[in-house]
Amino acid sequence: MSLVSVLARENFITVVSDGLVVNLETGEEIHQSYKKFRKISEKQFVAFGGNQGLGERVVEVLGYQESERDLLECAKKIRGDLINEIPIEKASCQVVLGGVEKGSIVFYAFNNNHNQDLLIKRPTNHILEYTFLSSRNSSINLDEIIQRIGNRIGYNTPTKTIKIQKQLNDEVAKTDPSVNKITFNLTIRK
């Protein structure tokens, strides 16, 4: 399954991923400590789940540049390319592009399924926005877990949101063998 969580408030965004990569055909473990996100500029990132090769291809296409990008345009182009080149029946690739864009925290989530829309989130008024890159086929309710943990810890600082995300990851790893407890995290502030 893999698990990448993205939590955003109006002044910061945090990303946490587990480290496990599994061959989707054989179930064989490929990596135990693999970071599923990369910075694409000083205050922007790409995160991916699903097929590792497709995720790495997205990272390669984006590369790293010093200047801020138009993340919406990048998301539209990459989503279109994935849909046109890789049928969802052949391989799945889930992507989040996020960070600071035009002075605001934002993230865009999408996959290569032409039946699913591009998710656009810009947190405002102290409201937490979040998304997950995972298999929704799982019986685990990620929304319920994030709310339960978040209500106990709070969402007002990056330290707290990363703590929530790591606890979420640990809970999922207990019941899902395709998620491990090795995590990586990233914080971007406005």
C-alpha atoms as a PDB file:
ATOM      1  CA  MET A   1       0.000   0.000   0.000  1.00  0.00           C
ATOM      2  CA  SER A   2       2.599   2.550   1.033  1.00  0.00           C
ATOM      3  CA  LEU A   3       1.549   5.554   3.046  1.00  0.00           C
ATOM      4  CA  VAL A   4       2.291   9.195   2.413  1.00  0.00           C
ATOM      5  CA  SER A   5       0.383  11.823   4.383  1.00  0.00           C
ATOM      6  CA  VAL A   6       0.263  15.551   3.674  1.00  0.00           C
ATOM      7  CA  LEU A   7      -1.131  17.947   6.299  1.00  0.00           C
ATOM      8  CA  ALA A   8      -1.403  21.662   5.627  1.00  0.00           C
ATOM      9  CA  ARG A   9      -2.326  24.781   7.558  1.00  0.00           C
ATOM     10  CA  GLU A  10      -2.293  28.282   6.122  1.00  0.00           C
ATOM     11  CA  ASN A  11       1.319  28.889   7.247  1.00  0.00           C
ATOM     12  CA  PHE A  12       2.967  25.449   6.839  1.00  0.00           C
ATOM     13  CA  ILE A  13       2.709  22.049   5.179  1.00  0.00           C
ATOM     14  CA  THR A  14       4.161  18.725   6.382  1.00  0.00           C
ATOM     15  CA  VAL A  15       4.804  15.475   4.547  1.00  0.00           C
ATOM     16  CA  VAL A  16       5.500  12.064   6.119  1.00  0.00           C
ATOM     17  CA  SER A  17       6.135   8.846   4.217  1.00  0.00           C
ATOM     18  CA  ASP A  18       6.914   5.324   5.270  1.00  0.00           C
ATOM     19  CA  GLY A  19      10.051   3.739   3.828  1.00  0.00           C
ATOM     20  CA  LEU A  20       8.826   0.428   2.415  1.00  0.00           C
ATOM     21  CA  VAL A  21       8.828  -0.328  -1.303  1.00  0.00           C
ATOM     22  CA  VAL A  22       7.285  -3.606  -2.407  1.00  0.00           C
ATOM     23  CA  ASN A  23       7.237  -5.227  -5.845  1.00  0.00           C
ATOM     24  CA  LEU A  24       3.538  -4.933  -6.689  1.00  0.00           C
ATOM     25  CA  GLU A  25       3.550  -8.161  -8.716  1.00  0.00           C
ATOM     26  CA  THR A  26       5.470 -10.453  -6.362  1.00  0.00           C
ATOM     27  CA  GLY A  27       5.017  -8.779  -2.975  1.00  0.00           C
ATOM     28  CA  GLU A  28       8.798  -8.907  -2.475  1.00  0.00           C
ATOM     29  CA  GLU A  29      10.367  -6.100  -0.420  1.00  0.00           C
ATOM     30  CA  ILE A  30      12.649  -3.918  -2.540  1.00  0.00           C
ATOM     31  CA  HIS A  31      13.573  -1.156  -0.058  1.00  0.00           C
ATOM     32  CA  GLN A  32      13.065  -0.659   3.688  1.00  0.00           C
ATOM     33  CA  SER A  33      14.219   2.989   3.836  1.00  0.00           C
ATOM     34  CA  TYR A  34      12.959   4.773   0.742  1.00  0.00           C
ATOM     35  CA  LYS A  35      11.814   8.408   0.941  1.00  0.00           C
ATOM     36  CA  LYS A  36       8.699   8.917  -1.229  1.00  0.00           C
ATOM     37  CA  PHE A  37       8.994  12.672  -1.667  1.00  0.00           C
ATOM     38  CA  ARG A  38      11.546  15.153  -3.011  1.00  0.00           C
ATOM     39  CA  LYS A  39      11.935  18.902  -2.921  1.00  0.00           C
ATOM     40  CA  ILE A  40      11.504  20.435  -6.381  1.00  0.00           C
ATOM     41  CA  SER A  41      12.379  23.967  -5.250  1.00  0.00           C
ATOM     42  CA  GLU A  42      13.277  25.612  -1.963  1.00  0.00           C
ATOM     43  CA  LYS A  43       9.645  25.707  -0.772  1.00  0.00           C
ATOM     44  CA  GLN A  44       7.937  23.098  -2.978  1.00  0.00           C
ATOM     45  CA  PHE A  45       7.838  19.296  -3.089  1.00  0.00           C
ATOM     46  CA  VAL A  46       6.518  16.292  -4.969  1.00  0.00           C
ATOM     47  CA  ALA A  47       5.360  13.144  -3.142  1.00  0.00           C
ATOM     48  CA  PHE A  48       4.333   9.888  -4.756  1.00  0.00           C
ATOM     49  CA  GLY A  49       2.819   6.495  -4.068  1.00  0.00           C
ATOM     50  CA  GLY A  50       1.919   3.469  -6.109  1.00  0.00           C
ATOM     51  CA  ASN A  51       4.362   2.375  -8.783  1.00  0.00           C
ATOM     52  CA  GLN A  52       7.882   3.413  -7.689  1.00  0.00           C
ATOM     53  CA  GLY A  53       9.197   3.684 -11.247  1.00  0.00           C
ATOM     54  CA  LEU A  54       6.420   6.048 -12.286  1.00  0.00           C
ATOM     55  CA  GLY A  55       6.946   8.151  -9.153  1.00  0.00           C
ATOM     56  CA  GLU A  56      10.653   8.425  -9.881  1.00  0.00           C
ATOM     57  CA  ARG A  57       9.858   9.408 -13.460  1.00  0.00           C
ATOM     58  CA  VAL A  58       7.668  12.269 -12.193  1.00  0.00           C
ATOM     59  CA  VAL A  59      10.510  13.412  -9.912  1.00  0.00           C
ATOM     60  CA  GLU A  60      12.953  13.264 -12.821  1.00  0.00           C
ATOM     61  CA  VAL A  61      10.669  15.258 -15.133  1.00  0.00           C
ATOM     62  CA  LEU A  62      10.232  17.965 -12.489  1.00  0.00           C
ATOM     63  CA  GLY A  63      13.852  18.085 -11.351  1.00  0.00           C
ATOM     64  CA  TYR A  64      14.943  20.802  -8.937  1.00  0.00           C
ATOM     65  CA  GLN A  65      15.007  24.511  -9.668  1.00  0.00           C
ATOM     66  CA  GLU A  66      15.747  27.506  -7.476  1.00  0.00           C
ATOM     67  CA  SER A  67      12.716  29.531  -8.516  1.00  0.00           C
ATOM     68  CA  GLU A  68       9.117  28.907  -7.514  1.00  0.00           C
ATOM     69  CA  ARG A  69       7.000  26.937  -9.969  1.00  0.00           C
ATOM     70  CA  ASP A  70       3.375  27.218 -10.986  1.00  0.00           C
ATOM     71  CA  LEU A  71       2.340  23.991  -9.241  1.00  0.00           C
ATOM     72  CA  LEU A  72      -1.148  23.942 -10.744  1.00  0.00           C
ATOM     73  CA  GLU A  73       0.240  24.006 -14.279  1.00  0.00           C
ATOM     74  CA  CYS A  74       2.795  21.309 -13.350  1.00  0.00           C
ATOM     75  CA  ALA A  75       0.038  19.161 -11.827  1.00  0.00           C
ATOM     76  CA  LYS A  76      -2.208  19.497 -14.897  1.00  0.00           C
ATOM     77  CA  LYS A  77       0.625  18.588 -17.269  1.00  0.00           C
ATOM     78  CA  ILE A  78       1.936  15.626 -15.270  1.00  0.00           C
ATOM     79  CA  ARG A  79      -1.573  14.294 -14.635  1.00  0.00           C
ATOM     80  CA  GLY A  80      -2.395  14.525 -18.343  1.00  0.00           C
ATOM     81  CA  ASP A  81       0.848  12.801 -19.312  1.00  0.00           C
ATOM     82  CA  LEU A  82       0.277   9.980 -16.801  1.00  0.00           C
ATOM     83  CA  ILE A  83      -3.317   9.430 -17.939  1.00  0.00           C
ATOM     84  CA  ASN A  84      -2.329   9.398 -21.612  1.00  0.00           C
ATOM     85  CA  GLU A  85       0.746   7.193 -21.210  1.00  0.00           C
ATOM     86  CA  ILE A  86      -0.067   4.767 -18.371  1.00  0.00           C
ATOM     87  CA  PRO A  87      -3.526   3.183 -18.141  1.00  0.00           C
ATOM     88  CA  ILE A  88      -4.664   2.763 -14.520  1.00  0.00           C
ATOM     89  CA  GLU A  89      -5.232  -0.942 -15.243  1.00  0.00           C
ATOM     90  CA  LYS A  90      -1.508  -1.319 -15.991  1.00  0.00           C
ATOM     91  CA  ALA A  91      -0.008   0.638 -13.070  1.00  0.00           C
ATOM     92  CA  SER A  92      -1.099   3.183 -10.479  1.00  0.00           C
ATOM     93  CA  CYS A  93       0.749   6.376  -9.672  1.00  0.00           C
ATOM     94  CA  GLN A  94      -0.472   8.825  -7.027  1.00  0.00           C
ATOM     95  CA  VAL A  95       1.128  12.266  -6.782  1.00  0.00           C
ATOM     96  CA  VAL A  96       0.970  15.359  -4.581  1.00  0.00           C
ATOM     97  CA  LEU A  97       2.635  18.622  -5.579  1.00  0.00           C
ATOM     98  CA  GLY A  98       2.683  21.180  -2.787  1.00  0.00           C
ATOM     99  CA  GLY A  99       4.346  23.950  -0.858  1.00  0.00           C
ATOM    100  CA  VAL A 100       4.361  27.712  -1.261  1.00  0.00           C
ATOM    101  CA  GLU A 101       2.838  29.070  -4.450  1.00  0.00           C
ATOM    102  CA  LYS A 102       2.278  32.805  -4.965  1.00  0.00           C
ATOM    103  CA  GLY A 103       2.671  33.415  -1.232  1.00  0.00           C
ATOM    104  CA  SER A 104       0.172  30.759  -0.082  1.00  0.00           C
ATOM    105  CA  ILE A 105       0.382  27.169   1.098  1.00  0.00           C
ATOM    106  CA  VAL A 106      -1.255  24.861  -1.438  1.00  0.00           C
ATOM    107  CA  PHE A 107      -1.259  21.272  -2.590  1.00  0.00           C
ATOM    108  CA  TYR A 108      -2.539  19.418  -5.637  1.00  0.00           C
ATOM    109  CA  ALA A 109      -3.223  15.667  -5.499  1.00  0.00           C
ATOM    110  CA  PHE A 110      -3.921  13.429  -8.476  1.00  0.00           C
ATOM    111  CA  ASN A 111      -3.335  10.026 -10.025  1.00  0.00           C
ATOM    112  CA  ASN A 112      -3.422   8.427 -13.457  1.00  0.00           C
ATOM    113  CA  ASN A 113      -7.127   7.545 -13.262  1.00  0.00           C
ATOM    114  CA  HIS A 114      -8.986   9.714 -15.786  1.00  0.00           C
ATOM    115  CA  ASN A 115     -12.219   9.295 -13.768  1.00  0.00           C
ATOM    116  CA  GLN A 116     -10.796  11.120 -10.730  1.00  0.00           C
ATOM    117  CA  ASP A 117     -10.447  14.888 -10.624  1.00  0.00           C
ATOM    118  CA  LEU A 118      -7.434  16.914  -9.606  1.00  0.00           C
ATOM    119  CA  LEU A 119      -7.738  17.731  -5.870  1.00  0.00           C
ATOM    120  CA  ILE A 120      -6.849  21.357  -5.088  1.00  0.00           C
ATOM    121  CA  LYS A 121      -6.410  22.470  -1.461  1.00  0.00           C
ATOM    122  CA  ARG A 122      -5.474  25.914  -0.105  1.00  0.00           C
ATOM    123  CA  PRO A 123      -5.839  25.977   3.688  1.00  0.00           C
ATOM    124  CA  THR A 124      -7.398  29.131   5.134  1.00  0.00           C
ATOM    125  CA  ASN A 125      -8.844  30.339   8.431  1.00  0.00           C
ATOM    126  CA  HIS A 126      -6.831  27.902  10.552  1.00  0.00           C
ATOM    127  CA  ILE A 127      -8.516  24.897   8.912  1.00  0.00           C
ATOM    128  CA  LEU A 128      -6.433  21.757   8.464  1.00  0.00           C
ATOM    129  CA  GLU A 129      -6.382  20.338   4.927  1.00  0.00           C
ATOM    130  CA  TYR A 130      -4.922  16.904   4.279  1.00  0.00           C
ATOM    131  CA  THR A 131      -4.619  14.049   1.840  1.00  0.00           C
ATOM    132  CA  PHE A 132      -3.120  10.580   1.743  1.00  0.00           C
ATOM    133  CA  LEU A 133      -1.370   8.559  -0.915  1.00  0.00           C
ATOM    134  CA  SER A 134      -2.401   5.016  -0.095  1.00  0.00           C
ATOM    135  CA  SER A 135      -4.564   2.154  -1.170  1.00  0.00           C
ATOM    136  CA  ARG A 136      -8.161   3.070  -0.368  1.00  0.00           C
ATOM    137  CA  ASN A 137      -8.962  -0.638  -0.684  1.00  0.00           C
ATOM    138  CA  SER A 138      -7.747  -1.035   2.875  1.00  0.00           C
ATOM    139  CA  SER A 139     -10.274  -1.415   5.671  1.00  0.00           C
ATOM    140  CA  ILE A 140      -8.344   1.204   7.661  1.00  0.00           C
ATOM    141  CA  ASN A 141     -10.169   4.547   7.952  1.00  0.00           C
ATOM    142  CA  LEU A 142      -7.325   7.059   7.650  1.00  0.00           C
ATOM    143  CA  ASP A 143      -9.635  10.058   8.060  1.00  0.00           C
ATOM    144  CA  GLU A 144     -10.953   8.727  11.385  1.00  0.00           C
ATOM    145  CA  ILE A 145      -7.457   7.982  12.681  1.00  0.00           C
ATOM    146  CA  ILE A 146      -6.049  11.399  11.719  1.00  0.00           C
ATOM    147  CA  GLN A 147      -9.012  13.142  13.399  1.00  0.00           C
ATOM    148  CA  ARG A 148      -8.738  11.045  16.580  1.00  0.00           C
ATOM    149  CA  ILE A 149      -4.987  11.594  16.955  1.00  0.00           C
ATOM    150  CA  GLY A 150      -5.197  15.243  15.901  1.00  0.00           C
ATOM    151  CA  ASN A 151      -7.937  16.053  18.394  1.00  0.00           C
ATOM    152  CA  ARG A 152      -5.656  14.744  21.153  1.00  0.00           C
ATOM    153  CA  ILE A 153      -2.403  16.402  19.993  1.00  0.00           C
ATOM    154  CA  GLY A 154      -3.565  19.518  18.120  1.00  0.00           C
ATOM    155  CA  TYR A 155      -2.702  20.774  14.638  1.00  0.00           C
ATOM    156  CA  ASN A 156      -1.258  24.217  15.248  1.00  0.00           C
ATOM    157  CA  THR A 157       2.479  23.540  14.689  1.00  0.00           C
ATOM    158  CA  PRO A 158       4.536  21.505  12.244  1.00  0.00           C
ATOM    159  CA  THR A 159       5.969  19.518  15.166  1.00  0.00           C
ATOM    160  CA  LYS A 160       2.460  18.460  16.175  1.00  0.00           C
ATOM    161  CA  THR A 161       1.314  17.586  12.648  1.00  0.00           C
ATOM    162  CA  ILE A 162       4.415  15.455  12.061  1.00  0.00           C
ATOM    163  CA  LYS A 163       3.770  13.699  15.377  1.00  0.00           C
ATOM    164  CA  ILE A 164       0.192  13.011  14.228  1.00  0.00           C
ATOM    165  CA  GLN A 165       1.428  11.713  10.867  1.00  0.00           C
ATOM    166  CA  LYS A 166       4.018   9.425  12.454  1.00  0.00           C
ATOM    167  CA  GLN A 167       1.428   7.988  14.849  1.00  0.00           C
ATOM    168  CA  LEU A 168      -0.919   7.455  11.904  1.00  0.00           C
ATOM    169  CA  ASN A 169       1.862   5.652  10.046  1.00  0.00           C
ATOM    170  CA  ASP A 170       2.583   3.428  13.062  1.00  0.00           C
ATOM    171  CA  GLU A 171      -1.084   2.476  13.438  1.00  0.00           C
ATOM    172  CA  VAL A 172      -1.359   1.568   9.755  1.00  0.00           C
ATOM    173  CA  ALA A 173       1.939  -0.378   9.851  1.00  0.00           C
ATOM    174  CA  LYS A 174       0.554  -2.610  12.631  1.00  0.00           C
ATOM    175  CA  THR A 175      -2.111  -4.040  10.326  1.00  0.00           C
ATOM    176  CA  ASP A 176      -0.826  -3.413   6.788  1.00  0.00           C
ATOM    177  CA  PRO A 177       2.298  -5.368   5.793  1.00  0.00           C
ATOM    178  CA  SER A 178       2.999  -2.995   2.888  1.00  0.00           C
ATOM    179  CA  VAL A 179       3.682  -0.094   5.300  1.00  0.00           C
ATOM    180  CA  ASN A 180       6.639  -0.048   7.678  1.00  0.00           C
ATOM    181  CA  LYS A 181       7.499   2.089  10.709  1.00  0.00           C
ATOM    182  CA  ILE A 182      10.529   3.751   9.112  1.00  0.00           C
ATOM    183  CA  THR A 183       9.429   7.298   8.302  1.00  0.00           C
ATOM    184  CA  PHE A 184      10.764  10.397   6.571  1.00  0.00           C
ATOM    185  CA  ASN A 185       9.364  13.891   6.990  1.00  0.00           C
ATOM    186  CA  LEU A 186       9.491  17.334   5.449  1.00  0.00           C
ATOM    187  CA  THR A 187       8.234  20.705   6.689  1.00  0.00           C
ATOM    188  CA  ILE A 188       7.780  23.746   4.469  1.00  0.00           C
ATOM    189  CA  ARG A 189       6.807  27.080   6.010  1.00  0.00           C
ATOM    190  CA  LYS A 190       5.271  30.039   4.243  1.00  0.00           C
END
